[in-house]
Amino acid sequence: MEADDVRIKRLLYRSSYTGTKETDVLLGQFAARHLAELPPELLDQYEALIENSDPDLFMWISGRKPVPAEWDTELMALLKNFRTGT
């Protein structure tokens, strides 16, 4: 089992280097600010979520496309609120 600090560092890196500039900025800033404080179940959701394509992630988080039911979670709400600053 991976130690939490190693897992968070890995997720922070992956969040900052997704392949799309907009997603890099959004997820990288979110990860830097929030990953260390997320409970394990939300870290699990985050890790699974970032396996989706960058364009889909950006469209869902920005509200330009509806979020599929399977990803419409507490974590997605946190990401959307982070993006809007609320």
Protein backbone atom coordinates (compact mmCIF):
# COMPACT_ATOMS: atom_id res chain seq x y z
CA MET A 1 0.00 0.00 0.00
CA GLU A 2 1.28 3.43 -0.96
CA ALA A 3 1.96 5.93 1.85
CA ASP A 4 -0.41 8.91 1.86
CA ASP A 5 2.35 11.49 1.35
CA VAL A 6 3.75 9.57 -1.63
CA ARG A 7 0.27 9.16 -3.09
CA ILE A 8 -0.47 12.87 -2.71
CA LYS A 9 2.85 13.83 -4.35
CA ARG A 10 2.11 11.49 -7.26
CA LEU A 11 -1.41 12.88 -7.68
CA LEU A 12 -0.12 16.44 -7.45
CA TYR A 13 2.37 15.74 -10.24
CA ARG A 14 -0.26 14.05 -12.41
CA SER A 15 -2.65 16.94 -11.81
CA SER A 16 -0.10 19.51 -12.92
CA TYR A 17 0.95 17.64 -16.07
CA THR A 18 -2.25 16.34 -17.64
CA GLY A 19 -1.43 17.33 -21.20
CA THR A 20 -3.84 20.25 -21.56
CA LYS A 21 -2.79 23.68 -20.26
CA GLU A 22 -6.23 24.62 -18.90
CA THR A 23 -6.61 21.32 -17.08
CA ASP A 24 -3.01 21.49 -15.80
CA VAL A 25 -3.71 24.87 -14.21
CA LEU A 26 -7.11 23.98 -12.78
CA LEU A 27 -6.27 20.53 -11.41
CA GLY A 28 -2.74 21.51 -10.41
CA GLN A 29 -3.95 24.42 -8.30
CA PHE A 30 -6.79 22.37 -6.80
CA ALA A 31 -4.41 19.52 -5.97
CA ALA A 32 -1.83 21.82 -4.38
CA ARG A 33 -4.47 23.46 -2.21
CA HIS A 34 -6.69 20.51 -1.26
CA LEU A 35 -5.26 17.01 -1.74
CA ALA A 36 -3.47 16.89 1.61
CA GLU A 37 -6.74 17.58 3.45
CA LEU A 38 -9.03 15.23 1.51
CA PRO A 39 -10.21 12.07 3.27
CA PRO A 40 -9.12 8.76 1.70
CA GLU A 41 -12.48 8.17 -0.05
CA LEU A 42 -12.25 11.53 -1.85
CA LEU A 43 -8.62 10.85 -2.76
CA ASP A 44 -9.84 7.60 -4.30
CA GLN A 45 -12.50 9.51 -6.26
CA TYR A 46 -9.94 12.09 -7.40
CA GLU A 47 -7.49 9.44 -8.54
CA ALA A 48 -10.21 7.70 -10.56
CA LEU A 49 -11.57 10.99 -11.94
CA ILE A 50 -8.28 12.17 -13.40
CA GLU A 51 -8.12 9.02 -15.52
CA ASN A 52 -10.77 10.65 -17.74
CA SER A 53 -9.74 12.65 -20.79
CA ASP A 54 -8.56 16.21 -20.23
CA PRO A 55 -11.19 17.75 -22.51
CA ASP A 56 -13.98 15.91 -20.69
CA LEU A 57 -12.65 16.92 -17.28
CA PHE A 58 -12.39 20.56 -18.27
CA MET A 59 -15.85 20.62 -19.84
CA TRP A 60 -17.46 18.96 -16.80
CA ILE A 61 -15.71 21.14 -14.23
CA SER A 62 -16.36 24.33 -16.21
CA GLY A 63 -20.03 23.44 -16.64
CA ARG A 64 -19.84 23.40 -20.44
CA LYS A 65 -21.01 19.78 -20.54
CA PRO A 66 -23.18 17.91 -18.06
CA VAL A 67 -21.29 15.73 -15.62
CA PRO A 68 -22.09 12.03 -16.10
CA ALA A 69 -23.91 10.59 -13.09
CA GLU A 70 -20.96 8.39 -12.12
CA TRP A 71 -18.72 11.46 -11.73
CA ASP A 72 -21.32 13.81 -10.24
CA THR A 73 -19.93 13.41 -6.74
CA GLU A 74 -18.91 15.46 -3.73
CA LEU A 75 -15.47 15.71 -5.29
CA MET A 76 -16.87 17.19 -8.52
CA ALA A 77 -18.74 19.77 -6.45
CA LEU A 78 -15.47 20.68 -4.72
CA LEU A 79 -13.75 21.06 -8.10
CA LYS A 80 -16.55 23.22 -9.49
CA ASN A 81 -16.59 25.41 -6.38
CA PHE A 82 -12.82 25.75 -6.54
CA ARG A 83 -13.03 26.86 -10.17
CA THR A 84 -15.61 29.54 -9.39
CA GLY A 85 -13.99 30.60 -6.13
CA THR A 86 -17.00 29.75 -3.99
